[in-house]
PDB file of N, CA and C in Angstrom:
ATOM      1  N   MET A   1       0.822  -1.201   0.000  1.00  0.00           N
ATOM      2  CA  MET A   1       0.000   0.000   0.000  1.00  0.00           C
ATOM      3  C   MET A   1       0.867   1.267   0.000  1.00  0.00           C
ATOM      4  N   ILE A   2       1.879   1.312   0.862  1.00  0.00           N
ATOM      5  CA  ILE A   2       2.754   2.488   0.920  1.00  0.00           C
ATOM      6  C   ILE A   2       3.512   2.635  -0.394  1.00  0.00           C
ATOM      7  N   GLU A   3       3.989   1.517  -0.922  1.00  0.00           N
ATOM      8  CA  GLU A   3       4.717   1.554  -2.195  1.00  0.00           C
ATOM      9  C   GLU A   3       3.822   2.098  -3.308  1.00  0.00           C
ATOM     10  N   TYR A   4       2.561   1.703  -3.312  1.00  0.00           N
ATOM     11  CA  TYR A   4       1.624   2.179  -4.320  1.00  0.00           C
ATOM     12  C   TYR A   4       1.416   3.685  -4.192  1.00  0.00           C
ATOM     13  N   LYS A   5       1.287   4.169  -2.967  1.00  0.00           N
ATOM     14  CA  LYS A   5       1.121   5.607  -2.755  1.00  0.00           C
ATOM     15  C   LYS A   5       2.357   6.368  -3.202  1.00  0.00           C
ATOM     16  N   THR A   6       3.523   5.807  -2.923  1.00  0.00           N
ATOM     17  CA  THR A   6       4.767   6.449  -3.334  1.00  0.00           C
ATOM     18  C   THR A   6       4.860   6.511  -4.853  1.00  0.00           C
ATOM     19  N   GLN A   7       4.473   5.435  -5.520  1.00  0.00           N
ATOM     20  CA  GLN A   7       4.496   5.426  -6.986  1.00  0.00           C
ATOM     21  C   GLN A   7       3.549   6.479  -7.550  1.00  0.00           C
ATOM     22  N   LYS A   8       2.378   6.605  -6.949  1.00  0.00           N
ATOM     23  CA  LYS A   8       1.426   7.625  -7.416  1.00  0.00           C
ATOM     24  C   LYS A   8       2.018   9.021  -7.249  1.00  0.00           C
ATOM     25  N   LYS A   9       2.630   9.254  -6.103  1.00  0.00           N
ATOM     26  CA  LYS A   9       3.191  10.580  -5.860  1.00  0.00           C
ATOM     27  C   LYS A   9       4.315  10.872  -6.844  1.00  0.00           C
ATOM     28  N   GLU A  10       5.187   9.896  -7.051  1.00  0.00           N
ATOM     29  CA  GLU A  10       6.279  10.094  -8.006  1.00  0.00           C
ATOM     30  C   GLU A  10       5.738  10.346  -9.410  1.00  0.00           C
ATOM     31  N   ARG A  11       4.657   9.707  -9.727  1.00  0.00           N
ATOM     32  CA  ARG A  11       4.107   9.797 -11.080  1.00  0.00           C
ATOM     33  C   ARG A  11       3.309  11.080 -11.321  1.00  0.00           C
ATOM     34  N   TYR A  12       2.543  11.525 -10.333  1.00  0.00           N
ATOM     35  CA  TYR A  12       1.583  12.613 -10.553  1.00  0.00           C
ATOM     36  C   TYR A  12       1.875  13.922  -9.827  1.00  0.00           C
ATOM     37  N   TYR A  13       2.691  13.910  -8.791  1.00  0.00           N
ATOM     38  CA  TYR A  13       2.857  15.075  -7.918  1.00  0.00           C
ATOM     39  C   TYR A  13       3.211  16.353  -8.689  1.00  0.00           C
ATOM     40  N   SER A  14       4.253  16.317  -9.493  1.00  0.00           N
ATOM     41  CA  SER A  14       4.682  17.543 -10.178  1.00  0.00           C
ATOM     42  C   SER A  14       3.621  18.048 -11.149  1.00  0.00           C
ATOM     43  N   GLU A  15       2.913  17.143 -11.785  1.00  0.00           N
ATOM     44  CA  GLU A  15       1.859  17.564 -12.711  1.00  0.00           C
ATOM     45  C   GLU A  15       0.672  18.162 -11.958  1.00  0.00           C
ATOM     46  N   VAL A  16       0.338  17.600 -10.811  1.00  0.00           N
ATOM     47  CA  VAL A  16      -0.733  18.157  -9.973  1.00  0.00           C
ATOM     48  C   VAL A  16      -0.375  19.585  -9.578  1.00  0.00           C
ATOM     49  N   ILE A  17       0.851  19.789  -9.140  1.00  0.00           N
ATOM     50  CA  ILE A  17       1.301  21.129  -8.728  1.00  0.00           C
ATOM     51  C   ILE A  17       1.245  22.089  -9.915  1.00  0.00           C
ATOM     52  N   ARG A  18       1.703  21.637 -11.059  1.00  0.00           N
ATOM     53  CA  ARG A  18       1.701  22.488 -12.259  1.00  0.00           C
ATOM     54  C   ARG A  18       0.291  22.880 -12.673  1.00  0.00           C
ATOM     55  N   LEU A  19      -0.610  21.912 -12.693  1.00  0.00           N
ATOM     56  CA  LEU A  19      -1.989  22.212 -13.096  1.00  0.00           C
ATOM     57  C   LEU A  19      -2.635  23.225 -12.160  1.00  0.00           C
ATOM     58  N   TYR A  20      -2.347  23.090 -10.884  1.00  0.00           N
ATOM     59  CA  TYR A  20      -2.959  23.992  -9.901  1.00  0.00           C
ATOM     60  C   TYR A  20      -2.316  25.383  -9.939  1.00  0.00           C
ATOM     61  N   THR A  21      -0.984  25.435  -9.911  1.00  0.00           N
ATOM     62  CA  THR A  21      -0.306  26.728  -9.795  1.00  0.00           C
ATOM     63  C   THR A  21      -0.208  27.489 -11.109  1.00  0.00           C
ATOM     64  N   GLU A  22       0.060  26.790 -12.197  1.00  0.00           N
ATOM     65  CA  GLU A  22       0.267  27.471 -13.470  1.00  0.00           C
ATOM     66  C   GLU A  22      -1.006  27.623 -14.290  1.00  0.00           C
ATOM     67  N   LEU A  23      -1.858  26.603 -14.247  1.00  0.00           N
ATOM     68  CA  LEU A  23      -3.052  26.630 -15.094  1.00  0.00           C
ATOM     69  C   LEU A  23      -4.332  26.943 -14.330  1.00  0.00           C
ATOM     70  N   GLY A  24      -4.250  26.970 -13.013  1.00  0.00           N
ATOM     71  CA  GLY A  24      -5.400  27.358 -12.207  1.00  0.00           C
ATOM     72  C   GLY A  24      -6.506  26.318 -12.100  1.00  0.00           C
ATOM     73  N   TYR A  25      -6.183  25.059 -12.332  1.00  0.00           N
ATOM     74  CA  TYR A  25      -7.195  24.006 -12.198  1.00  0.00           C
ATOM     75  C   TYR A  25      -7.621  23.893 -10.736  1.00  0.00           C
ATOM     76  N   SER A  26      -8.864  23.550 -10.517  1.00  0.00           N
ATOM     77  CA  SER A  26      -9.360  23.362  -9.153  1.00  0.00           C
ATOM     78  C   SER A  26      -8.923  21.995  -8.634  1.00  0.00           C
ATOM     79  N   ILE A  27      -8.987  21.840  -7.327  1.00  0.00           N
ATOM     80  CA  ILE A  27      -8.637  20.560  -6.708  1.00  0.00           C
ATOM     81  C   ILE A  27      -9.552  19.463  -7.233  1.00  0.00           C
ATOM     82  N   GLY A  28     -10.833  19.749  -7.320  1.00  0.00           N
ATOM     83  CA  GLY A  28     -11.793  18.771  -7.825  1.00  0.00           C
ATOM     84  C   GLY A  28     -11.507  18.357  -9.254  1.00  0.00           C
ATOM     85  N   HIS A  29     -11.182  19.317 -10.084  1.00  0.00           N
ATOM     86  CA  HIS A  29     -10.864  19.019 -11.486  1.00  0.00           C
ATOM     87  C   HIS A  29      -9.629  18.123 -11.576  1.00  0.00           C
ATOM     88  N   ILE A  30      -8.610  18.461 -10.821  1.00  0.00           N
ATOM     89  CA  ILE A  30      -7.381  17.660 -10.827  1.00  0.00           C
ATOM     90  C   ILE A  30      -7.661  16.244 -10.350  1.00  0.00           C
ATOM     91  N   SER A  31      -8.484  16.106  -9.316  1.00  0.00           N
ATOM     92  CA  SER A  31      -8.774  14.765  -8.784  1.00  0.00           C
ATOM     93  C   SER A  31      -9.589  13.928  -9.769  1.00  0.00           C
ATOM     94  N   ARG A  32     -10.268  14.582 -10.694  1.00  0.00           N
ATOM     95  CA  ARG A  32     -11.000  13.835 -11.730  1.00  0.00           C
ATOM     96  C   ARG A  32     -10.092  13.459 -12.901  1.00  0.00           C
ATOM     97  N   ILE A  33      -9.043  14.237 -13.141  1.00  0.00           N
ATOM     98  CA  ILE A  33      -8.110  13.952 -14.230  1.00  0.00           C
ATOM     99  C   ILE A  33      -7.239  12.740 -13.891  1.00  0.00           C
ATOM    100  N   PHE A  34      -6.754  12.691 -12.660  1.00  0.00           N
ATOM    101  CA  PHE A  34      -5.860  11.629 -12.221  1.00  0.00           C
ATOM    102  C   PHE A  34      -6.599  10.687 -11.276  1.00  0.00           C
ATOM    103  N   PRO A  35      -6.106   9.477 -11.103  1.00  0.00           N
ATOM    104  CA  PRO A  35      -6.752   8.556 -10.153  1.00  0.00           C
ATOM    105  C   PRO A  35      -6.360   8.902  -8.714  1.00  0.00           C
ATOM    106  N   LEU A  36      -6.750  10.125  -8.300  1.00  0.00           N
ATOM    107  CA  LEU A  36      -6.420  10.631  -6.970  1.00  0.00           C
ATOM    108  C   LEU A  36      -7.684  11.165  -6.312  1.00  0.00           C
ATOM    109  N   SER A  37      -7.760  11.013  -5.012  1.00  0.00           N
ATOM    110  CA  SER A  37      -8.909  11.563  -4.301  1.00  0.00           C
ATOM    111  C   SER A  37      -8.723  13.071  -4.110  1.00  0.00           C
ATOM    112  N   TYR A  38      -9.810  13.737  -3.848  1.00  0.00           N
ATOM    113  CA  TYR A  38      -9.800  15.168  -3.554  1.00  0.00           C
ATOM    114  C   TYR A  38      -8.858  15.442  -2.386  1.00  0.00           C
ATOM    115  N   GLY A  39      -8.955  14.607  -1.353  1.00  0.00           N
ATOM    116  CA  GLY A  39      -8.119  14.767  -0.157  1.00  0.00           C
ATOM    117  C   GLY A  39      -6.632  14.635  -0.448  1.00  0.00           C
ATOM    118  N   THR A  40      -6.288  13.713  -1.332  1.00  0.00           N
ATOM    119  CA  THR A  40      -4.879  13.527  -1.700  1.00  0.00           C
ATOM    120  C   THR A  40      -4.347  14.757  -2.422  1.00  0.00           C
ATOM    121  N   VAL A  41      -5.102  15.252  -3.376  1.00  0.00           N
ATOM    122  CA  VAL A  41      -4.677  16.446  -4.117  1.00  0.00           C
ATOM    123  C   VAL A  41      -4.532  17.622  -3.156  1.00  0.00           C
ATOM    124  N   LYS A  42      -5.484  17.789  -2.281  1.00  0.00           N
ATOM    125  CA  LYS A  42      -5.448  18.890  -1.321  1.00  0.00           C
ATOM    126  C   LYS A  42      -4.231  18.757  -0.396  1.00  0.00           C
ATOM    127  N   ARG A  43      -3.940  17.540   0.067  1.00  0.00           N
ATOM    128  CA  ARG A  43      -2.792  17.302   0.944  1.00  0.00           C
ATOM    129  C   ARG A  43      -1.487  17.605   0.213  1.00  0.00           C
ATOM    130  N   TRP A  44      -1.371  17.163  -1.044  1.00  0.00           N
ATOM    131  CA  TRP A  44      -0.161  17.435  -1.819  1.00  0.00           C
ATOM    132  C   TRP A  44       0.039  18.931  -2.016  1.00  0.00           C
ATOM    133  N   LEU A  45      -1.036  19.640  -2.266  1.00  0.00           N
ATOM    134  CA  LEU A  45      -0.930  21.094  -2.439  1.00  0.00           C
ATOM    135  C   LEU A  45      -0.536  21.777  -1.133  1.00  0.00           C
ATOM    136  N   SER A  46      -1.040  21.260  -0.031  1.00  0.00           N
ATOM    137  CA  SER A  46      -0.661  21.800   1.282  1.00  0.00           C
ATOM    138  C   SER A  46       0.816  21.564   1.553  1.00  0.00           C
ATOM    139  N   ILE A  47       1.295  20.370   1.225  1.00  0.00           N
ATOM    140  CA  ILE A  47       2.713  20.049   1.395  1.00  0.00           C
ATOM    141  C   ILE A  47       3.558  20.980   0.530  1.00  0.00           C
ATOM    142  N   PHE A  48       3.143  21.155  -0.713  1.00  0.00           N
ATOM    143  CA  PHE A  48       3.865  22.033  -1.626  1.00  0.00           C
ATOM    144  C   PHE A  48       3.901  23.468  -1.088  1.00  0.00           C
ATOM    145  N   ALA A  49       2.758  23.951  -0.612  1.00  0.00           N
ATOM    146  CA  ALA A  49       2.680  25.320  -0.085  1.00  0.00           C
ATOM    147  C   ALA A  49       3.606  25.489   1.119  1.00  0.00           C
ATOM    148  N   GLU A  50       3.647  24.500   1.986  1.00  0.00           N
ATOM    149  CA  GLU A  50       4.510  24.566   3.165  1.00  0.00           C
ATOM    150  C   GLU A  50       5.984  24.567   2.756  1.00  0.00           C
ATOM    151  N   GLU A  51       6.338  23.738   1.787  1.00  0.00           N
ATOM    152  CA  GLU A  51       7.716  23.712   1.293  1.00  0.00           C
ATOM    153  C   GLU A  51       8.099  25.054   0.672  1.00  0.00           C
ATOM    154  N   GLU A  52       7.197  25.629  -0.089  1.00  0.00           N
ATOM    155  CA  GLU A  52       7.458  26.933  -0.701  1.00  0.00           C
ATOM    156  C   GLU A  52       7.628  28.016   0.357  1.00  0.00           C
ATOM    157  N   ARG A  53       6.797  27.971   1.393  1.00  0.00           N
ATOM    158  CA  ARG A  53       6.884  28.948   2.476  1.00  0.00           C
ATOM    159  C   ARG A  53       8.250  28.853   3.155  1.00  0.00           C
ATOM    160  N   LYS A  54       8.682  27.625   3.428  1.00  0.00           N
ATOM    161  CA  LYS A  54       9.982  27.433   4.074  1.00  0.00           C
ATOM    162  C   LYS A  54      11.114  27.907   3.168  1.00  0.00           C
ATOM    163  N   ASP A  55      11.014  27.608   1.878  1.00  0.00           N
ATOM    164  CA  ASP A  55      12.034  28.051   0.929  1.00  0.00           C
ATOM    165  C   ASP A  55      12.092  29.575   0.875  1.00  0.00           C
ATOM    166  N   ASN A  56      10.929  30.212   0.870  1.00  0.00           N
ATOM    167  CA  ASN A  56      10.880  31.672   0.819  1.00  0.00           C
ATOM    168  C   ASN A  56      11.448  32.284   2.092  1.00  0.00           C
ATOM    169  N   GLU A  57      11.142  31.693   3.244  1.00  0.00           N
ATOM    170  CA  GLU A  57      11.691  32.195   4.505  1.00  0.00           C
ATOM    171  C   GLU A  57      13.203  32.061   4.514  1.00  0.00           C
ATOM    172  N   SER A  58      13.695  30.934   4.025  1.00  0.00           N
ATOM    173  CA  SER A  58      15.133  30.703   3.963  1.00  0.00           C
ATOM    174  C   SER A  58      15.791  31.721   3.040  1.00  0.00           C
ATOM    175  N   ALA A  59      15.183  31.966   1.900  1.00  0.00           N
ATOM    176  CA  ALA A  59      15.716  32.946   0.946  1.00  0.00           C
ATOM    177  C   ALA A  59      15.698  34.344   1.550  1.00  0.00           C
ATOM    178  N   MET A  60      14.637  34.665   2.275  1.00  0.00           N
ATOM    179  CA  MET A  60      14.545  35.987   2.898  1.00  0.00           C
ATOM    180  C   MET A  60      15.614  36.150   3.976  1.00  0.00           C
ATOM    181  N   LYS A  61      15.873  35.094   4.753  1.00  0.00           N
ATOM    182  CA  LYS A  61      16.913  35.164   5.781  1.00  0.00           C
ATOM    183  C   LYS A  61      18.268  35.371   5.136  1.00  0.00           C
ATOM    184  N   LYS A  62      18.516  34.641   4.041  1.00  0.00           N
ATOM    185  CA  LYS A  62      19.783  34.771   3.333  1.00  0.00           C
ATOM    186  C   LYS A  62      19.916  36.181   2.771  1.00  0.00           C
ATOM    187  N   LYS A  63      18.840  36.693   2.181  1.00  0.00           N
ATOM    188  CA  LYS A  63      18.854  38.039   1.610  1.00  0.00           C
ATOM    189  C   LYS A  63      19.045  39.070   2.714  1.00  0.00           C
ATOM    190  N   SER A  64      18.368  38.864   3.847  1.00  0.00           N
ATOM    191  CA  SER A  64      18.481  39.782   4.975  1.00  0.00           C
ATOM    192  C   SER A  64      19.909  39.808   5.490  1.00  0.00           C
ATOM    193  N   SER A  65      20.532  38.637   5.554  1.00  0.00           N
ATOM    194  CA  SER A  65      21.914  38.548   6.012  1.00  0.00           C
ATOM    195  C   SER A  65      22.836  39.287   5.055  1.00  0.00           C
ATOM    196  N   THR A  66      22.632  39.108   3.764  1.00  0.00           N
ATOM    197  CA  THR A  66      23.438  39.789   2.751  1.00  0.00           C
ATOM    198  C   THR A  66      23.218  41.289   2.833  1.00  0.00           C
ATOM    199  N   THR A  67      21.978  41.700   2.989  1.00  0.00           N
ATOM    200  CA  THR A  67      21.657  43.121   3.113  1.00  0.00           C
ATOM    201  C   THR A  67      22.304  43.705   4.359  1.00  0.00           C
ATOM    202  N   GLN A  68      22.261  42.951   5.458  1.00  0.00           N
ATOM    203  CA  GLN A  68      22.869  43.428   6.697  1.00  0.00           C
ATOM    204  C   GLN A  68      24.374  43.578   6.532  1.00  0.00           C
ATOM    205  N   ASN A  69      25.006  42.604   5.855  1.00  0.00           N
ATOM    206  CA  ASN A  69      26.446  42.705   5.610  1.00  0.00           C
ATOM    207  C   ASN A  69      26.761  43.937   4.764  1.00  0.00           C
ATOM    208  N   HIS A  70      25.933  44.206   3.762  1.00  0.00           N
ATOM    209  CA  HIS A  70      26.125  45.385   2.919  1.00  0.00           C
ATOM    210  C   HIS A  70      25.968  46.657   3.747  1.00  0.00           C
ATOM    211  N   MET A  71      24.947  46.677   4.578  1.00  0.00           N
ATOM    212  CA  MET A  71      24.709  47.857   5.412  1.00  0.00           C
ATOM    213  C   MET A  71      25.866  48.066   6.387  1.00  0.00           C
ATOM    214  N   ASP A  72      26.412  46.975   6.934  1.00  0.00           N
ATOM    215  CA  ASP A  72      27.567  47.091   7.822  1.00  0.00           C
ATOM    216  C   ASP A  72      28.754  47.696   7.076  1.00  0.00           C
ATOM    217  N   SER A  73      28.964  47.251   5.822  1.00  0.00           N
ATOM    218  CA  SER A  73      30.062  47.790   5.016  1.00  0.00           C
ATOM    219  C   SER A  73      29.860  49.274   4.750  1.00  0.00           C
ATOM    220  N   VAL A  74      28.643  49.662   4.425  1.00  0.00           N
ATOM    221  CA  VAL A  74      28.338  51.068   4.168  1.00  0.00           C
ATOM    222  C   VAL A  74      28.562  51.882   5.431  1.00  0.00           C
ATOM    223  N   LEU A  75      28.151  51.358   6.566  1.00  0.00           N
ATOM    224  CA  LEU A  75      28.321  52.060   7.828  1.00  0.00           C
ATOM    225  C   LEU A  75      29.802  52.239   8.153  1.00  0.00           C
ATOM    226  N   ILE A  76      30.589  51.189   7.943  1.00  0.00           N
ATOM    227  CA  ILE A  76      32.025  51.286   8.187  1.00  0.00           C
ATOM    228  C   ILE A  76      32.642  52.318   7.256  1.00  0.00           C
ATOM    229  N   TRP A  77      32.268  52.283   5.976  1.00  0.00           N
ATOM    230  CA  TRP A  77      32.788  53.259   5.032  1.00  0.00           C
ATOM    231  C   TRP A  77      32.391  54.664   5.457  1.00  0.00           C
ATOM    232  N   PHE A  78      31.142  54.810   5.849  1.00  0.00           N
ATOM    233  CA  PHE A  78      30.648  56.122   6.237  1.00  0.00           C
ATOM    234  C   PHE A  78      31.421  56.641   7.442  1.00  0.00           C
ATOM    235  N   GLU A  79      31.637  55.771   8.428  1.00  0.00           N
ATOM    236  CA  GLU A  79      32.336  56.204   9.649  1.00  0.00           C
ATOM    237  C   GLU A  79      33.787  56.573   9.360  1.00  0.00           C
ATOM    238  N   PHE A  80      34.464  55.723   8.591  1.00  0.00           N
ATOM    239  CA  PHE A  80      35.886  55.955   8.349  1.00  0.00           C
ATOM    240  C   PHE A  80      36.139  56.801   7.106  1.00  0.00           C
ATOM    241  N   GLY A  81      35.437  56.487   6.046  1.00  0.00           N
ATOM    242  CA  GLY A  81      35.630  57.215   4.794  1.00  0.00           C
ATOM    243  C   GLY A  81      35.201  58.658   4.894  1.00  0.00           C
ATOM    244  N   PHE A  82      34.056  58.890   5.468  1.00  0.00           N
ATOM    245  CA  PHE A  82      33.513  60.227   5.594  1.00  0.00           C
ATOM    246  C   PHE A  82      34.400  61.073   6.500  1.00  0.00           C
ATOM    247  N   SER A  83      34.847  60.511   7.628  1.00  0.00           N
ATOM    248  CA  SER A  83      35.716  61.263   8.526  1.00  0.00           C
ATOM    249  C   SER A  83      37.069  61.513   7.896  1.00  0.00           C
ATOM    250  N   SER A  84      37.527  60.574   7.057  1.00  0.00           N
ATOM    251  CA  SER A  84      38.808  60.758   6.364  1.00  0.00           C
ATOM    252  C   SER A  84      38.736  61.937   5.416  1.00  0.00           C
ATOM    253  N   VAL A  85      37.592  62.107   4.782  1.00  0.00           N
ATOM    254  CA  VAL A  85      37.429  63.238   3.869  1.00  0.00           C
ATOM    255  C   VAL A  85      37.601  64.548   4.637  1.00  0.00           C
ATOM    256  N   PHE A  86      37.032  64.603   5.829  1.00  0.00           N
ATOM    257  CA  PHE A  86      37.142  65.810   6.611  1.00  0.00           C
ATOM    258  C   PHE A  86      38.558  66.001   7.154  1.00  0.00           C
ATOM    259  N   LEU A  87      39.252  64.880   7.381  1.00  0.00           N
ATOM    260  CA  LEU A  87      40.610  64.992   7.880  1.00  0.00           C
ATOM    261  C   LEU A  87      41.554  65.518   6.799  1.00  0.00           C
ATOM    262  N   ILE A  88      41.264  65.212   5.552  1.00  0.00           N
ATOM    263  CA  ILE A  88      42.100  65.667   4.448  1.00  0.00           C
ATOM    264  C   ILE A  88      41.981  67.170   4.283  1.00  0.00           C
ATOM    265  N   LYS A  89      40.787  67.689   4.445  1.00  0.00           N
ATOM    266  CA  LYS A  89      40.591  69.134   4.263  1.00  0.00           C
ATOM    267  C   LYS A  89      41.250  69.841   5.365  1.00  0.00           C
TER     268      LYS A  89
END
Protein backbone atom coordinates (compact mmCIF):
# COMPACT_ATOMS: atom_id res chain seq x y z
CA MET A 1 0.00 0.00 0.00
CA ILE A 2 2.75 2.49 0.92
CA GLU A 3 4.72 1.55 -2.19
CA TYR A 4 1.62 2.18 -4.32
CA LYS A 5 1.12 5.61 -2.75
CA THR A 6 4.77 6.45 -3.33
CA GLN A 7 4.50 5.43 -6.99
CA LYS A 8 1.43 7.62 -7.42
CA LYS A 9 3.19 10.58 -5.86
CA GLU A 10 6.28 10.09 -8.01
CA ARG A 11 4.11 9.80 -11.08
CA TYR A 12 1.58 12.61 -10.55
CA TYR A 13 2.86 15.08 -7.92
CA SER A 14 4.68 17.54 -10.18
CA GLU A 15 1.86 17.56 -12.71
CA VAL A 16 -0.73 18.16 -9.97
CA ILE A 17 1.30 21.13 -8.73
CA ARG A 18 1.70 22.49 -12.26
CA LEU A 19 -1.99 22.21 -13.10
CA TYR A 20 -2.96 23.99 -9.90
CA THR A 21 -0.31 26.73 -9.80
CA GLU A 22 0.27 27.47 -13.47
CA LEU A 23 -3.05 26.63 -15.09
CA GLY A 24 -5.40 27.36 -12.21
CA TYR A 25 -7.19 24.01 -12.20
CA SER A 26 -9.36 23.36 -9.15
CA ILE A 27 -8.64 20.56 -6.71
CA GLY A 28 -11.79 18.77 -7.83
CA HIS A 29 -10.86 19.02 -11.49
CA ILE A 30 -7.38 17.66 -10.83
CA SER A 31 -8.77 14.76 -8.78
CA ARG A 32 -11.00 13.84 -11.73
CA ILE A 33 -8.11 13.95 -14.23
CA PHE A 34 -5.86 11.63 -12.22
CA PRO A 35 -6.75 8.56 -10.15
CA LEU A 36 -6.42 10.63 -6.97
CA SER A 37 -8.91 11.56 -4.30
CA TYR A 38 -9.80 15.17 -3.55
CA GLY A 39 -8.12 14.77 -0.16
CA THR A 40 -4.88 13.53 -1.70
CA VAL A 41 -4.68 16.45 -4.12
CA LYS A 42 -5.45 18.89 -1.32
CA ARG A 43 -2.79 17.30 0.94
CA TRP A 44 -0.16 17.44 -1.82
CA LEU A 45 -0.93 21.09 -2.44
CA SER A 46 -0.66 21.80 1.28
CA ILE A 47 2.71 20.05 1.39
CA PHE A 48 3.86 22.03 -1.63
CA ALA A 49 2.68 25.32 -0.08
CA GLU A 50 4.51 24.57 3.17
CA GLU A 51 7.72 23.71 1.29
CA GLU A 52 7.46 26.93 -0.70
CA ARG A 53 6.88 28.95 2.48
CA LYS A 54 9.98 27.43 4.07
CA ASP A 55 12.03 28.05 0.93
CA ASN A 56 10.88 31.67 0.82
CA GLU A 57 11.69 32.20 4.51
CA SER A 58 15.13 30.70 3.96
CA ALA A 59 15.72 32.95 0.95
CA MET A 60 14.54 35.99 2.90
CA LYS A 61 16.91 35.16 5.78
CA LYS A 62 19.78 34.77 3.33
CA LYS A 63 18.85 38.04 1.61
CA SER A 64 18.48 39.78 4.97
CA SER A 65 21.91 38.55 6.01
CA THR A 66 23.44 39.79 2.75
CA THR A 67 21.66 43.12 3.11
CA GLN A 68 22.87 43.43 6.70
CA ASN A 69 26.45 42.70 5.61
CA HIS A 70 26.13 45.39 2.92
CA MET A 71 24.71 47.86 5.41
CA ASP A 72 27.57 47.09 7.82
CA SER A 73 30.06 47.79 5.02
CA VAL A 74 28.34 51.07 4.17
CA LEU A 75 28.32 52.06 7.83
CA ILE A 76 32.03 51.29 8.19
CA TRP A 77 32.79 53.26 5.03
CA PHE A 78 30.65 56.12 6.24
CA GLU A 79 32.34 56.20 9.65
CA PHE A 80 35.89 55.96 8.35
CA GLY A 81 35.63 57.22 4.79
CA PHE A 82 33.51 60.23 5.59
CA SER A 83 35.72 61.26 8.53
CA SER A 84 38.81 60.76 6.36
CA VAL A 85 37.43 63.24 3.87
CA PHE A 86 37.14 65.81 6.61
CA LEU A 87 40.61 64.99 7.88
CA ILE A 88 42.10 65.67 4.45
CA LYS A 89 40.59 69.13 4.26
